[in-house]
Amino acid sequence: MKRLWVVLGAVLLGGCGFDTVASGHGGIGFDSFGSGTQREPYGEGLHVMRPGKSLITYDLRVQEMKDELNVLSNNGLDLKVDSSVRYRVDPLKLFELHTQTGPRYADILIAPIVRSEARKVFGRYAPEEIYSTKREQIEKEIYDEVTRALQGKHVVVEAILVRDVSLPASIREAIADKLAEEQRSQKMRFTLDKERQEAERRQIEAEGIAKYQTIVRQGLTEEYLRFKGIEATEKLAQSPNAKVVVVGGGSRGNLPLVYQVDGK
């Protein structure tokens, strides 16, 4: 019986081949003598392929596609932009991607959409914004537009990067001068704001001091001063370490005169 199974296995495998799906990949089978493209994808590992059956593999890992774009700014200046797109296949939609687009999906699908949407976005910005100040915002807008355009296409865009922008030397110098002038203006505005805040602080402080002095002056009445003088006299008289002679305040309510007498 064991020999029979060995013979049957040899007969069945005699016309079969083997195919491997590498790590990080997925496979789509095609049966020439049967149902054609198979919907269920093949996972990683070694697979036995009977006669008439083949296997097409797709890289499911994140991949990067670099491109050089010729774009126009909002004032019509021609720019060269080095960009890159990071993307991957949706593993759950491998059958749909294979039957609708095929293995060359990056060239057929992703590259044209990225170029088209990137040109639209760059056309909204001035050269100095593209070159320096708005690059991250531009990347985000391109990413949003490309993601929207690729909905239902069975690929996922992870990121879009603007790596370099090439400008004529004269334009670069003009942009550098403009940015330097803007920085100087910002610094001057900051200095003026700081000085204005300091002046306001000093004004508030002076007003507070003036109010305090007014309150103190209003509180220093003749009766209050006479009371404080009597209070001080009493404290001196009660001191065990000194002998004092108190002379009356005289006329018009002046303060008492206090003399300390040496005990000797």
C-alpha atoms as a PDB file:
ATOM      1  CA  MET A   1       0.000   0.000   0.000  1.00  0.00           C
ATOM      2  CA  LYS A   2       2.823   2.360   0.861  1.00  0.00           C
ATOM      3  CA  ARG A   3       4.441   1.689  -2.495  1.00  0.00           C
ATOM      4  CA  LEU A   4       1.172   2.551  -4.224  1.00  0.00           C
ATOM      5  CA  TRP A   5       1.078   5.981  -2.624  1.00  0.00           C
ATOM      6  CA  VAL A   6       4.685   6.586  -3.587  1.00  0.00           C
ATOM      7  CA  VAL A   7       3.942   5.638  -7.195  1.00  0.00           C
ATOM      8  CA  LEU A   8       0.837   7.826  -7.318  1.00  0.00           C
ATOM      9  CA  GLY A   9       2.749  10.746  -5.820  1.00  0.00           C
ATOM     10  CA  ALA A  10       5.522  10.358  -8.357  1.00  0.00           C
ATOM     11  CA  VAL A  11       3.003  10.249 -11.205  1.00  0.00           C
ATOM     12  CA  LEU A  12       1.164  13.331  -9.961  1.00  0.00           C
ATOM     13  CA  LEU A  13       4.302  15.318  -9.315  1.00  0.00           C
ATOM     14  CA  GLY A  14       5.994  14.207 -12.477  1.00  0.00           C
ATOM     15  CA  GLY A  15       4.475  16.964 -14.559  1.00  0.00           C
ATOM     16  CA  CYS A  16       4.365  19.576 -11.785  1.00  0.00           C
ATOM     17  CA  GLY A  17       6.766  22.359 -11.010  1.00  0.00           C
ATOM     18  CA  PHE A  18       7.553  24.496  -8.013  1.00  0.00           C
ATOM     19  CA  ASP A  19       7.357  28.238  -7.534  1.00  0.00           C
ATOM     20  CA  THR A  20       8.312  30.427  -4.599  1.00  0.00           C
ATOM     21  CA  VAL A  21       6.745  33.582  -3.234  1.00  0.00           C
ATOM     22  CA  ALA A  22       9.502  35.563  -1.527  1.00  0.00           C
ATOM     23  CA  SER A  23       9.248  37.306   1.828  1.00  0.00           C
ATOM     24  CA  GLY A  24       7.174  40.473   1.645  1.00  0.00           C
ATOM     25  CA  HIS A  25       5.541  39.402  -1.625  1.00  0.00           C
ATOM     26  CA  GLY A  26       2.217  37.991  -2.739  1.00  0.00           C
ATOM     27  CA  GLY A  27       1.342  35.869  -5.747  1.00  0.00           C
ATOM     28  CA  ILE A  28      -1.531  35.569  -8.201  1.00  0.00           C
ATOM     29  CA  GLY A  29      -2.005  32.236  -9.938  1.00  0.00           C
ATOM     30  CA  PHE A  30      -3.135  31.727 -13.532  1.00  0.00           C
ATOM     31  CA  ASP A  31      -4.557  28.415 -14.744  1.00  0.00           C
ATOM     32  CA  SER A  32      -4.252  28.040 -18.520  1.00  0.00           C
ATOM     33  CA  PHE A  33      -6.405  24.900 -18.587  1.00  0.00           C
ATOM     34  CA  GLY A  34      -8.959  25.921 -16.006  1.00  0.00           C
ATOM     35  CA  SER A  35     -10.444  29.029 -14.446  1.00  0.00           C
ATOM     36  CA  GLY A  36      -7.822  31.538 -15.609  1.00  0.00           C
ATOM     37  CA  THR A  37      -6.752  34.106 -13.008  1.00  0.00           C
ATOM     38  CA  GLN A  38      -7.299  32.821  -9.490  1.00  0.00           C
ATOM     39  CA  ARG A  39      -8.866  35.215  -7.014  1.00  0.00           C
ATOM     40  CA  GLU A  40      -7.206  33.822  -3.895  1.00  0.00           C
ATOM     41  CA  PRO A  41      -3.620  35.140  -3.637  1.00  0.00           C
ATOM     42  CA  TYR A  42      -0.625  32.971  -2.775  1.00  0.00           C
ATOM     43  CA  GLY A  43       1.281  33.742   0.410  1.00  0.00           C
ATOM     44  CA  GLU A  44       4.995  33.499   1.095  1.00  0.00           C
ATOM     45  CA  GLY A  45       6.719  30.159   0.641  1.00  0.00           C
ATOM     46  CA  LEU A  46       7.104  27.238  -1.775  1.00  0.00           C
ATOM     47  CA  HIS A  47       4.114  26.221  -3.897  1.00  0.00           C
ATOM     48  CA  VAL A  48       3.545  23.201  -6.143  1.00  0.00           C
ATOM     49  CA  MET A  49       2.342  24.260  -9.586  1.00  0.00           C
ATOM     50  CA  ARG A  50       0.683  21.667 -11.791  1.00  0.00           C
ATOM     51  CA  PRO A  51       1.048  21.813 -15.582  1.00  0.00           C
ATOM     52  CA  GLY A  52      -0.594  24.829 -17.168  1.00  0.00           C
ATOM     53  CA  LYS A  53      -0.464  26.869 -13.999  1.00  0.00           C
ATOM     54  CA  SER A  54       1.797  29.902 -13.485  1.00  0.00           C
ATOM     55  CA  LEU A  55       2.407  32.397 -10.715  1.00  0.00           C
ATOM     56  CA  ILE A  56       2.879  36.177 -10.953  1.00  0.00           C
ATOM     57  CA  THR A  57       4.366  37.810  -7.855  1.00  0.00           C
ATOM     58  CA  TYR A  58       3.935  41.339  -6.492  1.00  0.00           C
ATOM     59  CA  ASP A  59       6.115  43.175  -4.000  1.00  0.00           C
ATOM     60  CA  LEU A  60       3.859  44.100  -1.071  1.00  0.00           C
ATOM     61  CA  ARG A  61       6.483  46.146   0.756  1.00  0.00           C
ATOM     62  CA  VAL A  62       6.715  49.949   0.713  1.00  0.00           C
ATOM     63  CA  GLN A  63       8.481  51.029  -2.467  1.00  0.00           C
ATOM     64  CA  GLU A  64       9.848  54.359  -3.653  1.00  0.00           C
ATOM     65  CA  MET A  65       9.576  55.899  -7.089  1.00  0.00           C
ATOM     66  CA  LYS A  66      11.709  58.958  -7.888  1.00  0.00           C
ATOM     67  CA  ASP A  67      10.894  61.396 -10.647  1.00  0.00           C
ATOM     68  CA  GLU A  68      12.012  64.758 -12.042  1.00  0.00           C
ATOM     69  CA  LEU A  69       9.117  67.063 -12.806  1.00  0.00           C
ATOM     70  CA  ASN A  70       8.931  70.164 -14.958  1.00  0.00           C
ATOM     71  CA  VAL A  71       6.363  72.461 -13.358  1.00  0.00           C
ATOM     72  CA  LEU A  72       5.237  76.080 -13.585  1.00  0.00           C
ATOM     73  CA  SER A  73       4.832  78.437 -10.634  1.00  0.00           C
ATOM     74  CA  ASN A  74       1.876  80.796 -10.366  1.00  0.00           C
ATOM     75  CA  ASN A  75       3.788  83.494 -12.258  1.00  0.00           C
ATOM     76  CA  GLY A  76       4.746  81.147 -15.109  1.00  0.00           C
ATOM     77  CA  LEU A  77       8.344  80.427 -14.067  1.00  0.00           C
ATOM     78  CA  ASP A  78       9.592  77.020 -15.259  1.00  0.00           C
ATOM     79  CA  LEU A  79      10.933  74.917 -12.383  1.00  0.00           C
ATOM     80  CA  LYS A  80      12.544  71.496 -12.116  1.00  0.00           C
ATOM     81  CA  VAL A  81      11.485  69.521  -9.089  1.00  0.00           C
ATOM     82  CA  ASP A  82      12.987  66.268  -7.823  1.00  0.00           C
ATOM     83  CA  SER A  83      10.271  64.293  -6.085  1.00  0.00           C
ATOM     84  CA  SER A  84       9.703  60.827  -4.711  1.00  0.00           C
ATOM     85  CA  VAL A  85       6.605  58.783  -3.940  1.00  0.00           C
ATOM     86  CA  ARG A  86       6.442  56.017  -1.352  1.00  0.00           C
ATOM     87  CA  TYR A  87       3.690  53.536  -2.036  1.00  0.00           C
ATOM     88  CA  ARG A  88       2.601  49.937  -1.551  1.00  0.00           C
ATOM     89  CA  VAL A  89       0.049  47.478  -2.895  1.00  0.00           C
ATOM     90  CA  ASP A  90      -3.085  46.810  -0.884  1.00  0.00           C
ATOM     91  CA  PRO A  91      -2.598  43.059  -0.187  1.00  0.00           C
ATOM     92  CA  LEU A  92      -6.352  42.518   0.145  1.00  0.00           C
ATOM     93  CA  LYS A  93      -6.890  43.868  -3.374  1.00  0.00           C
ATOM     94  CA  LEU A  94      -4.134  42.016  -5.192  1.00  0.00           C
ATOM     95  CA  PHE A  95      -6.538  40.174  -7.513  1.00  0.00           C
ATOM     96  CA  GLU A  96      -8.288  43.436  -8.512  1.00  0.00           C
ATOM     97  CA  LEU A  97      -4.999  45.233  -9.114  1.00  0.00           C
ATOM     98  CA  HIS A  98      -3.696  42.388 -11.254  1.00  0.00           C
ATOM     99  CA  THR A  99      -6.818  42.059 -13.395  1.00  0.00           C
ATOM    100  CA  GLN A 100      -7.472  45.800 -13.764  1.00  0.00           C
ATOM    101  CA  THR A 101      -3.954  47.227 -14.141  1.00  0.00           C
ATOM    102  CA  GLY A 102      -1.283  44.528 -13.976  1.00  0.00           C
ATOM    103  CA  PRO A 103       2.311  44.319 -12.758  1.00  0.00           C
ATOM    104  CA  ARG A 104       3.291  47.655 -14.371  1.00  0.00           C
ATOM    105  CA  TYR A 105       0.816  49.532 -12.190  1.00  0.00           C
ATOM    106  CA  ALA A 106       3.459  51.992 -10.940  1.00  0.00           C
ATOM    107  CA  ASP A 107       4.220  53.272 -14.458  1.00  0.00           C
ATOM    108  CA  ILE A 108       0.653  53.006 -15.731  1.00  0.00           C
ATOM    109  CA  LEU A 109      -1.196  54.301 -12.694  1.00  0.00           C
ATOM    110  CA  ILE A 110       0.883  56.041 -10.028  1.00  0.00           C
ATOM    111  CA  ALA A 111       3.420  58.053 -12.037  1.00  0.00           C
ATOM    112  CA  PRO A 112       0.931  59.841 -14.363  1.00  0.00           C
ATOM    113  CA  ILE A 113      -1.402  60.757 -11.496  1.00  0.00           C
ATOM    114  CA  VAL A 114       1.440  62.102  -9.353  1.00  0.00           C
ATOM    115  CA  ARG A 115       2.782  64.238 -12.215  1.00  0.00           C
ATOM    116  CA  SER A 116      -0.636  65.636 -13.046  1.00  0.00           C
ATOM    117  CA  GLU A 117      -1.626  66.497  -9.485  1.00  0.00           C
ATOM    118  CA  ALA A 118       1.831  67.876  -8.646  1.00  0.00           C
ATOM    119  CA  ARG A 119       1.698  70.321 -11.572  1.00  0.00           C
ATOM    120  CA  LYS A 120      -1.694  71.553 -10.413  1.00  0.00           C
ATOM    121  CA  VAL A 121      -0.472  72.166  -6.870  1.00  0.00           C
ATOM    122  CA  PHE A 122       2.813  73.841  -7.845  1.00  0.00           C
ATOM    123  CA  GLY A 123       0.870  76.176 -10.121  1.00  0.00           C
ATOM    124  CA  ARG A 124      -0.802  77.724  -7.058  1.00  0.00           C
ATOM    125  CA  TYR A 125       2.426  78.977  -5.476  1.00  0.00           C
ATOM    126  CA  ALA A 126       5.077  81.614  -6.080  1.00  0.00           C
ATOM    127  CA  PRO A 127       8.705  80.539  -6.751  1.00  0.00           C
ATOM    128  CA  GLU A 128       9.939  81.650  -3.315  1.00  0.00           C
ATOM    129  CA  GLU A 129       7.177  79.664  -1.620  1.00  0.00           C
ATOM    130  CA  ILE A 130       8.064  76.546  -3.610  1.00  0.00           C
ATOM    131  CA  TYR A 131      11.763  77.031  -2.987  1.00  0.00           C
ATOM    132  CA  SER A 132      11.627  77.599   0.751  1.00  0.00           C
ATOM    133  CA  THR A 133       8.652  78.650   2.828  1.00  0.00           C
ATOM    134  CA  LYS A 134       5.747  76.439   1.692  1.00  0.00           C
ATOM    135  CA  ARG A 135       7.412  73.151   0.773  1.00  0.00           C
ATOM    136  CA  GLU A 136       5.772  71.059   3.503  1.00  0.00           C
ATOM    137  CA  GLN A 137       2.375  72.511   2.690  1.00  0.00           C
ATOM    138  CA  ILE A 138       2.892  71.712  -1.000  1.00  0.00           C
ATOM    139  CA  GLU A 139       3.846  68.122  -0.164  1.00  0.00           C
ATOM    140  CA  LYS A 140       0.676  67.722   1.889  1.00  0.00           C
ATOM    141  CA  GLU A 141      -1.542  69.140  -0.849  1.00  0.00           C
ATOM    142  CA  ILE A 142      -0.007  66.853  -3.488  1.00  0.00           C
ATOM    143  CA  TYR A 143      -0.424  63.879  -1.157  1.00  0.00           C
ATOM    144  CA  ASP A 144      -4.087  64.724  -0.554  1.00  0.00           C
ATOM    145  CA  GLU A 145      -4.804  65.157  -4.275  1.00  0.00           C
ATOM    146  CA  VAL A 146      -2.983  61.964  -5.287  1.00  0.00           C
ATOM    147  CA  THR A 147      -4.656  59.938  -2.535  1.00  0.00           C
ATOM    148  CA  ARG A 148      -8.037  61.183  -3.703  1.00  0.00           C
ATOM    149  CA  ALA A 149      -7.247  60.337  -7.345  1.00  0.00           C
ATOM    150  CA  LEU A 150      -6.056  56.816  -6.448  1.00  0.00           C
ATOM    151  CA  GLN A 151      -9.116  55.852  -4.445  1.00  0.00           C
ATOM    152  CA  GLY A 152     -10.378  52.485  -5.643  1.00  0.00           C
ATOM    153  CA  LYS A 153      -7.146  51.782  -7.570  1.00  0.00           C
ATOM    154  CA  HIS A 154      -5.881  49.245  -4.978  1.00  0.00           C
ATOM    155  CA  VAL A 155      -2.603  50.983  -4.122  1.00  0.00           C
ATOM    156  CA  VAL A 156      -1.766  52.995  -1.000  1.00  0.00           C
ATOM    157  CA  VAL A 157       0.409  56.129  -1.100  1.00  0.00           C
ATOM    158  CA  GLU A 158       2.451  56.478   2.091  1.00  0.00           C
ATOM    159  CA  ALA A 159       4.192  59.803   1.391  1.00  0.00           C
ATOM    160  CA  ILE A 160       5.128  62.289  -1.310  1.00  0.00           C
ATOM    161  CA  LEU A 161       8.371  64.220  -0.871  1.00  0.00           C
ATOM    162  CA  VAL A 162       9.748  67.274  -2.664  1.00  0.00           C
ATOM    163  CA  ARG A 163      13.470  66.581  -2.437  1.00  0.00           C
ATOM    164  CA  ASP A 164      14.894  69.478  -4.452  1.00  0.00           C
ATOM    165  CA  VAL A 165      13.781  72.506  -6.461  1.00  0.00           C
ATOM    166  CA  SER A 166      16.065  73.851  -9.204  1.00  0.00           C
ATOM    167  CA  LEU A 167      15.877  77.579  -9.983  1.00  0.00           C
ATOM    168  CA  PRO A 168      17.983  79.905 -12.150  1.00  0.00           C
ATOM    169  CA  ALA A 169      20.813  81.493 -10.164  1.00  0.00           C
ATOM    170  CA  SER A 170      19.357  84.994 -10.516  1.00  0.00           C
ATOM    171  CA  ILE A 171      16.008  83.834  -9.128  1.00  0.00           C
ATOM    172  CA  ARG A 172      17.687  82.065  -6.199  1.00  0.00           C
ATOM    173  CA  GLU A 173      19.623  85.223  -5.330  1.00  0.00           C
ATOM    174  CA  ALA A 174      16.498  87.364  -5.564  1.00  0.00           C
ATOM    175  CA  ILE A 175      14.614  84.960  -3.313  1.00  0.00           C
ATOM    176  CA  ALA A 176      17.486  84.899  -0.817  1.00  0.00           C
ATOM    177  CA  ASP A 177      17.557  88.719  -0.722  1.00  0.00           C
ATOM    178  CA  LYS A 178      13.796  88.880  -0.270  1.00  0.00           C
ATOM    179  CA  LEU A 179      13.846  86.336   2.552  1.00  0.00           C
ATOM    180  CA  ALA A 180      16.699  88.177   4.256  1.00  0.00           C
ATOM    181  CA  GLU A 181      14.768  91.452   4.040  1.00  0.00           C
ATOM    182  CA  GLU A 182      11.659  89.776   5.468  1.00  0.00           C
ATOM    183  CA  GLN A 183      13.712  88.417   8.363  1.00  0.00           C
ATOM    184  CA  ARG A 184      15.117  91.885   9.064  1.00  0.00           C
ATOM    185  CA  SER A 185      11.613  93.342   8.983  1.00  0.00           C
ATOM    186  CA  GLN A 186      10.348  90.656  11.342  1.00  0.00           C
ATOM    187  CA  LYS A 187      13.232  91.321  13.707  1.00  0.00           C
ATOM    188  CA  MET A 188      12.506  95.054  13.645  1.00  0.00           C
ATOM    189  CA  ARG A 189       8.803  94.446  14.304  1.00  0.00           C
ATOM    190  CA  PHE A 190       9.737  92.190  17.206  1.00  0.00           C
ATOM    191  CA  THR A 191      12.050  94.861  18.644  1.00  0.00           C
ATOM    192  CA  LEU A 192       9.409  97.571  18.301  1.00  0.00           C
ATOM    193  CA  ASP A 193       6.770  95.354  19.889  1.00  0.00           C
ATOM    194  CA  LYS A 194       9.097  94.592  22.769  1.00  0.00           C
ATOM    195  CA  GLU A 195       9.893  98.272  23.312  1.00  0.00           C
ATOM    196  CA  ARG A 196       6.210  99.178  23.144  1.00  0.00           C
ATOM    197  CA  GLN A 197       5.387  96.518  25.716  1.00  0.00           C
ATOM    198  CA  GLU A 198       8.184  97.783  27.965  1.00  0.00           C
ATOM    199  CA  ALA A 199       6.889 101.364  27.636  1.00  0.00           C
ATOM    200  CA  GLU A 200       3.388 100.200  28.532  1.00  0.00           C
ATOM    201  CA  ARG A 201       4.768  98.296  31.525  1.00  0.00           C
ATOM    202  CA  ARG A 202       6.641 101.376  32.754  1.00  0.00           C
ATOM    203  CA  GLN A 203       3.572 103.547  32.273  1.00  0.00           C
ATOM    204  CA  ILE A 204       1.449 101.136  34.289  1.00  0.00           C
ATOM    205  CA  GLU A 205       4.138 100.984  36.971  1.00  0.00           C
ATOM    206  CA  ALA A 206       4.378 104.795  37.130  1.00  0.00           C
ATOM    207  CA  GLU A 207       0.611 105.121  37.363  1.00  0.00           C
ATOM    208  CA  GLY A 208       0.607 102.600  40.193  1.00  0.00           C
ATOM    209  CA  ILE A 209       3.311 104.495  42.086  1.00  0.00           C
ATOM    210  CA  ALA A 210       1.494 107.793  41.577  1.00  0.00           C
ATOM    211  CA  LYS A 211      -1.752 106.315  42.892  1.00  0.00           C
ATOM    212  CA  TYR A 212       0.071 104.884  45.895  1.00  0.00           C
ATOM    213  CA  GLN A 213       1.709 108.225  46.689  1.00  0.00           C
ATOM    214  CA  THR A 214      -1.648 109.979  46.422  1.00  0.00           C
ATOM    215  CA  ILE A 215      -3.209 107.515  48.829  1.00  0.00           C
ATOM    216  CA  VAL A 216      -0.299 107.912  51.277  1.00  0.00           C
ATOM    217  CA  ARG A 217      -0.453 111.715  51.133  1.00  0.00           C
ATOM    218  CA  GLN A 218      -4.166 111.656  51.741  1.00  0.00           C
ATOM    219  CA  GLY A 219      -3.630 109.387  54.746  1.00  0.00           C
ATOM    220  CA  LEU A 220      -0.935 111.565  56.403  1.00  0.00           C
ATOM    221  CA  THR A 221      -3.328 113.876  58.238  1.00  0.00           C
ATOM    222  CA  GLU A 222      -2.308 115.993  61.247  1.00  0.00           C
ATOM    223  CA  GLU A 223      -4.237 113.713  63.585  1.00  0.00           C
ATOM    224  CA  TYR A 224      -2.529 110.600  62.188  1.00  0.00           C
ATOM    225  CA  LEU A 225       0.961 112.108  62.561  1.00  0.00           C
ATOM    226  CA  ARG A 226       0.205 113.202  66.168  1.00  0.00           C
ATOM    227  CA  PHE A 227      -1.000 109.672  66.968  1.00  0.00           C
ATOM    228  CA  LYS A 228       2.158 108.064  65.549  1.00  0.00           C
ATOM    229  CA  GLY A 229       4.310 110.522  67.538  1.00  0.00           C
ATOM    230  CA  ILE A 230       2.557 109.671  70.794  1.00  0.00           C
ATOM    231  CA  GLU A 231       2.911 105.963  69.996  1.00  0.00           C
ATOM    232  CA  ALA A 232       6.667 106.325  69.461  1.00  0.00           C
ATOM    233  CA  THR A 233       7.018 108.339  72.690  1.00  0.00           C
ATOM    234  CA  GLU A 234       5.281 105.644  74.690  1.00  0.00           C
ATOM    235  CA  LYS A 235       7.601 102.975  73.316  1.00  0.00           C
ATOM    236  CA  LEU A 236      10.683 105.005  74.262  1.00  0.00           C
ATOM    237  CA  ALA A 237       9.347 105.644  77.762  1.00  0.00           C
ATOM    238  CA  GLN A 238       8.773 101.939  78.332  1.00  0.00           C
ATOM    239  CA  SER A 239      12.311 100.984  77.281  1.00  0.00           C
ATOM    240  CA  PRO A 240      14.384  99.648  80.287  1.00  0.00           C
ATOM    241  CA  ASN A 241      17.658 100.692  78.713  1.00  0.00           C
ATOM    242  CA  ALA A 242      17.104 104.408  78.342  1.00  0.00           C
ATOM    243  CA  LYS A 243      15.976 107.446  80.269  1.00  0.00           C
ATOM    244  CA  VAL A 244      14.009 109.968  78.327  1.00  0.00           C
ATOM    245  CA  VAL A 245      12.680 113.448  78.839  1.00  0.00           C
ATOM    246  CA  VAL A 246       9.574 114.347  76.879  1.00  0.00           C
ATOM    247  CA  VAL A 247       8.890 117.965  76.092  1.00  0.00           C
ATOM    248  CA  GLY A 248       5.371 118.821  75.013  1.00  0.00           C
ATOM    249  CA  GLY A 249       4.526 119.303  71.384  1.00  0.00           C
ATOM    250  CA  GLY A 250       4.081 122.972  71.767  1.00  0.00           C
ATOM    251  CA  SER A 251       1.520 124.994  69.919  1.00  0.00           C
ATOM    252  CA  ARG A 252      -0.241 124.115  66.657  1.00  0.00           C
ATOM    253  CA  GLY A 253      -0.072 120.403  67.446  1.00  0.00           C
ATOM    254  CA  ASN A 254       3.573 119.798  66.620  1.00  0.00           C
ATOM    255  CA  LEU A 255       5.047 116.394  67.545  1.00  0.00           C
ATOM    256  CA  PRO A 256       6.540 115.908  71.062  1.00  0.00           C
ATOM    257  CA  LEU A 257      10.289 116.361  71.412  1.00  0.00           C
ATOM    258  CA  VAL A 258      12.053 113.322  72.884  1.00  0.00           C
ATOM    259  CA  TYR A 259      15.508 113.618  74.494  1.00  0.00           C
ATOM    260  CA  GLN A 260      17.527 110.606  75.639  1.00  0.00           C
ATOM    261  CA  VAL A 261      19.491 111.253  78.836  1.00  0.00           C
ATOM    262  CA  ASP A 262      22.749 109.433  79.507  1.00  0.00           C
ATOM    263  CA  GLY A 263      22.435 107.271  82.658  1.00  0.00           C
ATOM    264  CA  LYS A 264      25.829 108.498  83.897  1.00  0.00           C
END
